Amino acid sequence: MISEMAFQQRLDDLVGQVQTKSRKRTVYADPWSEKRTFPIELGVGYRCVKSNRLSSVGVGKTIEISRHEVDFTTQHSLNPGERIRLSVDWPAMLGNTCPMKLEICGRVVRSEPGRAAIQIARYEFLRPALARTAEHYAR
């Protein structure tokens, strides 16, 4: 378990990267930056697409997040190479009142029963009205 101060510093690092970008523009991961992983458990919803068809939908929890990858629990076995959209329940609040969502698009790079890792192609922070909830993915 990490201390509250360490968690806040990690959160500030991640959020600070996004705050320097335009709100309307999608933020792309930098593949050349140093690799640091942050163990953090947040609710997620996911949708996988294979051959332009929805192949699986489910919910889970993040295990680790880095600038390049997200490791998370799954309800289904996912196939490496599948395109995926992940909606993360972000702990930061917009105006101290509205929870934020982190929408991530990428591809599955590793998978085992109950767990998968995706490589981040792009990500974007969304306001609640624009984001999909974990319950939406479970439908």
N, C-alpha and C. Protein backbone atom coordinates (compact mmCIF):
# COMPACT_ATOMS: atom_id res chain seq x y z
N MET A 1 0.85 -1.18 0.00
CA MET A 1 0.00 0.00 0.00
C MET A 1 0.89 1.24 0.00
N ILE A 2 0.58 2.18 -0.85
CA ILE A 2 1.38 3.40 -0.91
C ILE A 2 0.76 4.45 0.01
N SER A 3 1.60 5.34 0.51
CA SER A 3 1.11 6.39 1.40
C SER A 3 0.27 7.38 0.60
N GLU A 4 -0.54 8.14 1.32
CA GLU A 4 -1.39 9.14 0.68
C GLU A 4 -0.54 10.20 -0.02
N MET A 5 0.59 10.58 0.58
CA MET A 5 1.46 11.58 -0.03
C MET A 5 2.08 11.04 -1.33
N ALA A 6 2.53 9.79 -1.33
CA ALA A 6 3.11 9.18 -2.54
C ALA A 6 2.05 9.07 -3.63
N PHE A 7 0.83 8.67 -3.24
CA PHE A 7 -0.26 8.56 -4.21
C PHE A 7 -0.56 9.92 -4.83
N GLN A 8 -0.63 10.96 -3.99
CA GLN A 8 -0.93 12.30 -4.49
C GLN A 8 0.16 12.77 -5.45
N GLN A 9 1.44 12.48 -5.14
CA GLN A 9 2.53 12.87 -6.03
C GLN A 9 2.41 12.16 -7.37
N ARG A 10 2.11 10.86 -7.36
CA ARG A 10 1.95 10.11 -8.59
C ARG A 10 0.77 10.64 -9.40
N LEU A 11 -0.31 10.94 -8.71
CA LEU A 11 -1.49 11.48 -9.38
C LEU A 11 -1.17 12.84 -9.99
N ASP A 12 -0.47 13.69 -9.24
CA ASP A 12 -0.08 15.01 -9.76
C ASP A 12 0.80 14.88 -11.00
N ASP A 13 1.72 13.91 -11.00
CA ASP A 13 2.58 13.67 -12.17
C ASP A 13 1.74 13.32 -13.39
N LEU A 14 0.78 12.39 -13.21
CA LEU A 14 -0.04 11.96 -14.34
C LEU A 14 -0.96 13.08 -14.82
N VAL A 15 -1.61 13.75 -13.90
CA VAL A 15 -2.54 14.82 -14.28
C VAL A 15 -1.78 16.00 -14.86
N GLY A 16 -0.59 16.31 -14.35
CA GLY A 16 0.20 17.42 -14.84
C GLY A 16 0.56 17.28 -16.31
N GLN A 17 0.77 16.04 -16.75
CA GLN A 17 1.09 15.80 -18.15
C GLN A 17 -0.06 16.21 -19.05
N VAL A 18 -1.28 16.01 -18.58
CA VAL A 18 -2.46 16.30 -19.38
C VAL A 18 -2.83 17.78 -19.32
N GLN A 19 -2.62 18.41 -18.16
CA GLN A 19 -3.02 19.81 -18.00
C GLN A 19 -2.24 20.74 -18.91
N THR A 20 -1.09 20.30 -19.41
CA THR A 20 -0.31 21.16 -20.29
C THR A 20 -0.82 21.11 -21.73
N LYS A 21 -1.74 20.21 -22.02
CA LYS A 21 -2.29 20.05 -23.37
C LYS A 21 -3.63 20.76 -23.48
N SER A 22 -4.07 21.00 -24.70
CA SER A 22 -5.37 21.60 -24.97
C SER A 22 -6.48 20.64 -24.56
N ARG A 23 -7.58 21.15 -24.04
CA ARG A 23 -8.71 20.32 -23.63
C ARG A 23 -9.35 19.56 -24.78
N LYS A 24 -9.42 20.18 -25.95
CA LYS A 24 -10.12 19.57 -27.08
C LYS A 24 -9.25 18.58 -27.83
N ARG A 25 -7.97 18.58 -27.57
CA ARG A 25 -7.04 17.75 -28.31
C ARG A 25 -6.76 16.45 -27.57
N THR A 26 -6.72 15.35 -28.29
CA THR A 26 -6.35 14.07 -27.69
C THR A 26 -4.87 14.09 -27.37
N VAL A 27 -4.51 13.56 -26.22
CA VAL A 27 -3.12 13.50 -25.80
C VAL A 27 -2.56 12.15 -26.20
N TYR A 28 -1.41 12.13 -26.84
CA TYR A 28 -0.79 10.89 -27.28
C TYR A 28 0.36 10.52 -26.37
N ALA A 29 0.49 9.21 -26.13
CA ALA A 29 1.57 8.72 -25.28
C ALA A 29 2.91 8.92 -25.97
N ASP A 30 3.93 9.24 -25.20
CA ASP A 30 5.28 9.43 -25.73
C ASP A 30 6.07 8.13 -25.55
N PRO A 31 6.33 7.39 -26.64
CA PRO A 31 6.99 6.10 -26.50
C PRO A 31 8.44 6.17 -26.07
N TRP A 32 9.06 7.36 -26.03
CA TRP A 32 10.47 7.48 -25.70
C TRP A 32 10.72 7.89 -24.25
N SER A 33 9.68 8.15 -23.50
CA SER A 33 9.90 8.57 -22.11
C SER A 33 10.28 7.38 -21.24
N GLU A 34 10.83 7.66 -20.07
CA GLU A 34 11.22 6.57 -19.19
C GLU A 34 9.98 5.81 -18.71
N LYS A 35 10.16 4.51 -18.45
CA LYS A 35 9.02 3.68 -18.06
C LYS A 35 8.94 3.59 -16.54
N ARG A 36 7.87 4.14 -15.99
CA ARG A 36 7.57 4.02 -14.57
C ARG A 36 6.15 3.50 -14.47
N THR A 37 5.92 2.56 -13.60
CA THR A 37 4.57 2.05 -13.41
C THR A 37 4.05 2.51 -12.06
N PHE A 38 2.74 2.73 -12.02
CA PHE A 38 2.08 3.19 -10.81
C PHE A 38 1.02 2.18 -10.41
N PRO A 39 1.22 1.47 -9.30
CA PRO A 39 0.17 0.55 -8.86
C PRO A 39 -1.02 1.36 -8.34
N ILE A 40 -2.14 1.19 -8.98
CA ILE A 40 -3.34 1.94 -8.59
C ILE A 40 -4.56 1.12 -8.98
N GLU A 41 -5.53 1.04 -8.09
CA GLU A 41 -6.74 0.27 -8.34
C GLU A 41 -7.91 1.21 -8.58
N LEU A 42 -8.37 1.25 -9.84
CA LEU A 42 -9.50 2.09 -10.24
C LEU A 42 -10.46 1.25 -11.06
N GLY A 43 -11.74 1.56 -11.01
CA GLY A 43 -12.72 0.85 -11.81
C GLY A 43 -12.55 1.14 -13.29
N VAL A 44 -12.73 0.12 -14.13
CA VAL A 44 -12.64 0.29 -15.58
C VAL A 44 -13.79 -0.43 -16.27
N GLY A 45 -14.14 0.07 -17.43
CA GLY A 45 -15.04 -0.61 -18.34
C GLY A 45 -14.29 -0.73 -19.66
N TYR A 46 -14.51 -1.83 -20.38
CA TYR A 46 -13.78 -1.99 -21.64
C TYR A 46 -14.66 -2.56 -22.73
N ARG A 47 -14.27 -2.24 -23.97
CA ARG A 47 -14.92 -2.76 -25.18
C ARG A 47 -13.81 -3.13 -26.15
N CYS A 48 -13.83 -4.37 -26.63
CA CYS A 48 -12.85 -4.84 -27.61
C CYS A 48 -13.50 -4.95 -28.97
N VAL A 49 -12.75 -4.58 -30.01
CA VAL A 49 -13.24 -4.64 -31.38
C VAL A 49 -12.31 -5.54 -32.19
N LYS A 50 -12.91 -6.46 -32.93
CA LYS A 50 -12.15 -7.36 -33.81
C LYS A 50 -12.85 -7.37 -35.16
N SER A 51 -12.12 -7.06 -36.22
CA SER A 51 -12.69 -6.99 -37.57
C SER A 51 -13.89 -6.06 -37.62
N ASN A 52 -13.76 -4.90 -36.98
CA ASN A 52 -14.82 -3.88 -36.93
C ASN A 52 -16.10 -4.36 -36.28
N ARG A 53 -16.03 -5.39 -35.46
CA ARG A 53 -17.19 -5.89 -34.71
C ARG A 53 -16.83 -5.94 -33.23
N LEU A 54 -17.80 -5.66 -32.40
CA LEU A 54 -17.62 -5.73 -30.95
C LEU A 54 -17.39 -7.18 -30.56
N SER A 55 -16.23 -7.49 -29.96
CA SER A 55 -15.94 -8.88 -29.62
C SER A 55 -16.13 -9.19 -28.14
N SER A 56 -15.89 -8.22 -27.26
CA SER A 56 -16.16 -8.44 -25.84
C SER A 56 -16.32 -7.11 -25.11
N VAL A 57 -17.12 -7.17 -24.06
CA VAL A 57 -17.43 -6.01 -23.24
C VAL A 57 -17.38 -6.46 -21.79
N GLY A 58 -16.81 -5.64 -20.92
CA GLY A 58 -16.77 -6.03 -19.51
C GLY A 58 -16.28 -4.92 -18.62
N VAL A 59 -16.15 -5.25 -17.35
CA VAL A 59 -15.65 -4.32 -16.35
C VAL A 59 -14.53 -5.00 -15.57
N GLY A 60 -13.71 -4.19 -14.91
CA GLY A 60 -12.62 -4.72 -14.10
C GLY A 60 -12.01 -3.61 -13.26
N LYS A 61 -10.77 -3.82 -12.86
CA LYS A 61 -10.03 -2.85 -12.05
C LYS A 61 -8.61 -2.74 -12.59
N THR A 62 -8.05 -1.53 -12.54
CA THR A 62 -6.66 -1.38 -12.94
C THR A 62 -5.77 -2.03 -11.89
N ILE A 63 -4.61 -2.50 -12.35
CA ILE A 63 -3.59 -3.06 -11.46
C ILE A 63 -2.40 -2.12 -11.43
N GLU A 64 -1.93 -1.74 -12.64
CA GLU A 64 -0.82 -0.79 -12.80
C GLU A 64 -1.09 0.08 -14.02
N ILE A 65 -0.59 1.32 -13.94
CA ILE A 65 -0.68 2.23 -15.08
C ILE A 65 0.70 2.83 -15.30
N SER A 66 1.10 2.92 -16.57
CA SER A 66 2.31 3.66 -16.93
C SER A 66 1.95 4.53 -18.13
N ARG A 67 2.91 5.27 -18.64
CA ARG A 67 2.63 6.10 -19.83
C ARG A 67 2.40 5.24 -21.06
N HIS A 68 2.85 4.00 -21.03
CA HIS A 68 2.78 3.13 -22.19
C HIS A 68 1.71 2.06 -22.11
N GLU A 69 1.42 1.58 -20.91
CA GLU A 69 0.53 0.43 -20.75
C GLU A 69 -0.39 0.58 -19.55
N VAL A 70 -1.48 -0.17 -19.62
CA VAL A 70 -2.39 -0.33 -18.48
C VAL A 70 -2.58 -1.82 -18.28
N ASP A 71 -2.36 -2.27 -17.06
CA ASP A 71 -2.58 -3.67 -16.68
C ASP A 71 -3.85 -3.67 -15.85
N PHE A 72 -4.81 -4.53 -16.18
CA PHE A 72 -6.10 -4.51 -15.50
C PHE A 72 -6.74 -5.89 -15.45
N THR A 73 -7.72 -6.04 -14.56
CA THR A 73 -8.45 -7.30 -14.47
C THR A 73 -9.57 -7.30 -15.50
N THR A 74 -9.95 -8.49 -15.95
CA THR A 74 -10.99 -8.62 -16.97
C THR A 74 -12.01 -9.68 -16.57
N GLN A 75 -13.15 -9.64 -17.21
CA GLN A 75 -14.18 -10.67 -17.03
C GLN A 75 -14.03 -11.76 -18.08
N HIS A 76 -13.33 -11.46 -19.18
CA HIS A 76 -13.18 -12.38 -20.30
C HIS A 76 -11.71 -12.51 -20.67
N SER A 77 -11.38 -13.55 -21.38
CA SER A 77 -10.04 -13.65 -21.96
C SER A 77 -10.00 -12.76 -23.19
N LEU A 78 -9.01 -11.90 -23.27
CA LEU A 78 -8.87 -11.01 -24.41
C LEU A 78 -7.74 -11.52 -25.30
N ASN A 79 -7.84 -11.29 -26.59
CA ASN A 79 -6.84 -11.75 -27.54
C ASN A 79 -5.81 -10.67 -27.83
N PRO A 80 -4.52 -11.01 -27.74
CA PRO A 80 -3.49 -10.04 -28.08
C PRO A 80 -3.71 -9.52 -29.51
N GLY A 81 -3.51 -8.21 -29.67
CA GLY A 81 -3.70 -7.58 -30.97
C GLY A 81 -5.07 -6.94 -31.14
N GLU A 82 -6.03 -7.31 -30.30
CA GLU A 82 -7.38 -6.72 -30.40
C GLU A 82 -7.32 -5.23 -30.05
N ARG A 83 -8.09 -4.44 -30.78
CA ARG A 83 -8.24 -3.03 -30.42
C ARG A 83 -9.18 -2.96 -29.22
N ILE A 84 -8.90 -2.02 -28.33
CA ILE A 84 -9.69 -1.91 -27.10
C ILE A 84 -9.87 -0.45 -26.72
N ARG A 85 -11.01 -0.16 -26.13
CA ARG A 85 -11.29 1.16 -25.56
C ARG A 85 -11.57 0.93 -24.08
N LEU A 86 -10.80 1.62 -23.25
CA LEU A 86 -10.88 1.45 -21.80
C LEU A 86 -11.34 2.76 -21.18
N SER A 87 -12.33 2.70 -20.30
CA SER A 87 -12.81 3.88 -19.59
C SER A 87 -12.46 3.70 -18.11
N VAL A 88 -11.59 4.58 -17.60
CA VAL A 88 -11.09 4.47 -16.23
C VAL A 88 -11.78 5.50 -15.35
N ASP A 89 -12.27 5.08 -14.19
CA ASP A 89 -12.86 5.98 -13.20
C ASP A 89 -11.71 6.73 -12.52
N TRP A 90 -11.41 7.94 -12.99
CA TRP A 90 -10.26 8.69 -12.51
C TRP A 90 -10.54 9.30 -11.14
N PRO A 91 -9.58 9.28 -10.21
CA PRO A 91 -9.83 9.77 -8.84
C PRO A 91 -9.90 11.29 -8.72
N ALA A 92 -9.42 12.04 -9.71
CA ALA A 92 -9.45 13.51 -9.64
C ALA A 92 -10.86 14.01 -9.94
N MET A 93 -11.21 15.11 -9.31
CA MET A 93 -12.52 15.70 -9.49
C MET A 93 -12.40 16.99 -10.30
N LEU A 94 -13.39 17.24 -11.15
CA LEU A 94 -13.46 18.48 -11.91
C LEU A 94 -14.19 19.49 -11.05
N GLY A 95 -13.51 20.55 -10.69
CA GLY A 95 -14.12 21.57 -9.83
C GLY A 95 -14.51 21.05 -8.47
N ASN A 96 -13.83 20.02 -8.00
CA ASN A 96 -14.11 19.38 -6.70
C ASN A 96 -15.54 18.87 -6.58
N THR A 97 -16.24 18.69 -7.71
CA THR A 97 -17.61 18.19 -7.64
C THR A 97 -17.91 17.04 -8.58
N CYS A 98 -17.29 17.03 -9.77
CA CYS A 98 -17.61 16.02 -10.78
C CYS A 98 -16.43 15.08 -11.01
N PRO A 99 -16.66 13.76 -10.91
CA PRO A 99 -15.57 12.82 -11.18
C PRO A 99 -15.20 12.83 -12.66
N MET A 100 -13.92 12.61 -12.94
CA MET A 100 -13.42 12.59 -14.32
C MET A 100 -13.29 11.14 -14.80
N LYS A 101 -13.27 10.98 -16.11
CA LYS A 101 -13.03 9.69 -16.75
C LYS A 101 -11.78 9.82 -17.61
N LEU A 102 -10.99 8.76 -17.63
CA LEU A 102 -9.84 8.68 -18.52
C LEU A 102 -10.18 7.65 -19.59
N GLU A 103 -10.33 8.10 -20.82
CA GLU A 103 -10.64 7.20 -21.95
C GLU A 103 -9.34 6.85 -22.65
N ILE A 104 -9.07 5.56 -22.77
CA ILE A 104 -7.83 5.07 -23.36
C ILE A 104 -8.16 4.18 -24.55
N CYS A 105 -7.48 4.41 -25.67
CA CYS A 105 -7.58 3.53 -26.84
C CYS A 105 -6.23 2.87 -27.04
N GLY A 106 -6.25 1.60 -27.41
CA GLY A 106 -5.00 0.90 -27.63
C GLY A 106 -5.23 -0.51 -28.13
N ARG A 107 -4.22 -1.35 -27.94
CA ARG A 107 -4.27 -2.75 -28.36
C ARG A 107 -3.84 -3.64 -27.20
N VAL A 108 -4.46 -4.81 -27.11
CA VAL A 108 -4.10 -5.79 -26.09
C VAL A 108 -2.71 -6.34 -26.44
N VAL A 109 -1.78 -6.28 -25.48
CA VAL A 109 -0.43 -6.81 -25.72
C VAL A 109 -0.16 -8.10 -24.95
N ARG A 110 -0.83 -8.27 -23.83
CA ARG A 110 -0.70 -9.51 -23.04
C ARG A 110 -2.05 -9.84 -22.45
N SER A 111 -2.31 -11.13 -22.32
CA SER A 111 -3.59 -11.54 -21.73
C SER A 111 -3.45 -12.91 -21.09
N GLU A 112 -4.10 -13.07 -19.99
CA GLU A 112 -4.24 -14.36 -19.32
C GLU A 112 -5.62 -14.35 -18.69
N PRO A 113 -6.16 -15.49 -18.28
CA PRO A 113 -7.51 -15.48 -17.70
C PRO A 113 -7.62 -14.50 -16.53
N GLY A 114 -8.55 -13.58 -16.65
CA GLY A 114 -8.81 -12.61 -15.59
C GLY A 114 -7.91 -11.39 -15.58
N ARG A 115 -7.01 -11.27 -16.55
CA ARG A 115 -6.06 -10.16 -16.54
C ARG A 115 -5.58 -9.87 -17.96
N ALA A 116 -5.33 -8.59 -18.26
CA ALA A 116 -4.80 -8.20 -19.57
C ALA A 116 -3.98 -6.92 -19.42
N ALA A 117 -3.16 -6.67 -20.42
CA ALA A 117 -2.39 -5.42 -20.49
C ALA A 117 -2.59 -4.85 -21.88
N ILE A 118 -2.77 -3.53 -21.94
CA ILE A 118 -2.92 -2.88 -23.24
C ILE A 118 -1.82 -1.85 -23.42
N GLN A 119 -1.41 -1.68 -24.67
CA GLN A 119 -0.47 -0.62 -25.03
C GLN A 119 -1.30 0.60 -25.39
N ILE A 120 -0.98 1.73 -24.80
CA ILE A 120 -1.75 2.95 -24.99
C ILE A 120 -1.37 3.60 -26.32
N ALA A 121 -2.37 3.80 -27.18
CA ALA A 121 -2.16 4.53 -28.43
C ALA A 121 -2.50 6.00 -28.22
N ARG A 122 -3.58 6.26 -27.51
CA ARG A 122 -3.97 7.63 -27.17
C ARG A 122 -4.87 7.61 -25.95
N TYR A 123 -4.94 8.76 -25.28
CA TYR A 123 -5.82 8.87 -24.12
C TYR A 123 -6.35 10.28 -24.02
N GLU A 124 -7.44 10.41 -23.26
CA GLU A 124 -8.11 11.70 -23.15
C GLU A 124 -8.90 11.74 -21.85
N PHE A 125 -8.83 12.84 -21.13
CA PHE A 125 -9.65 13.03 -19.95
C PHE A 125 -10.97 13.64 -20.38
N LEU A 126 -12.07 13.08 -19.87
CA LEU A 126 -13.40 13.55 -20.26
C LEU A 126 -14.20 13.96 -19.04
N ARG A 127 -15.10 14.91 -19.28
CA ARG A 127 -16.07 15.28 -18.25
C ARG A 127 -17.10 14.16 -18.14
N PRO A 128 -17.77 14.05 -17.00
CA PRO A 128 -18.73 12.96 -16.80
C PRO A 128 -19.81 12.87 -17.89
N ALA A 129 -20.29 13.99 -18.39
CA ALA A 129 -21.36 13.95 -19.38
C ALA A 129 -20.89 13.32 -20.69
N LEU A 130 -19.59 13.39 -20.98
CA LEU A 130 -19.05 12.85 -22.22
C LEU A 130 -18.52 11.43 -22.06
N ALA A 131 -18.27 11.02 -20.82
CA ALA A 131 -17.65 9.72 -20.57
C ALA A 131 -18.69 8.62 -20.39
N ARG A 132 -18.27 7.42 -20.71
CA ARG A 132 -19.12 6.25 -20.48
C ARG A 132 -18.80 5.69 -19.11
N THR A 133 -19.82 5.26 -18.40
CA THR A 133 -19.61 4.71 -17.08
C THR A 133 -19.31 3.22 -17.19
N ALA A 134 -18.77 2.66 -16.11
CA ALA A 134 -18.50 1.21 -16.09
C ALA A 134 -19.81 0.43 -16.30
N GLU A 135 -20.92 0.96 -15.79
CA GLU A 135 -22.22 0.29 -15.96
C GLU A 135 -22.61 0.25 -17.43
N HIS A 136 -22.26 1.28 -18.19
CA HIS A 136 -22.55 1.32 -19.62
C HIS A 136 -21.84 0.16 -20.33
N TYR A 137 -20.61 -0.10 -19.93
CA TYR A 137 -19.84 -1.18 -20.57
C TYR A 137 -20.40 -2.55 -20.18
N ALA A 138 -21.00 -2.66 -19.02
CA ALA A 138 -21.51 -3.93 -18.55
C ALA A 138 -22.81 -4.34 -19.25
N ARG A 139 -23.48 -3.39 -19.90
CA ARG A 139 -24.74 -3.71 -20.59
C ARG A 139 -24.54 -4.61 -21.77
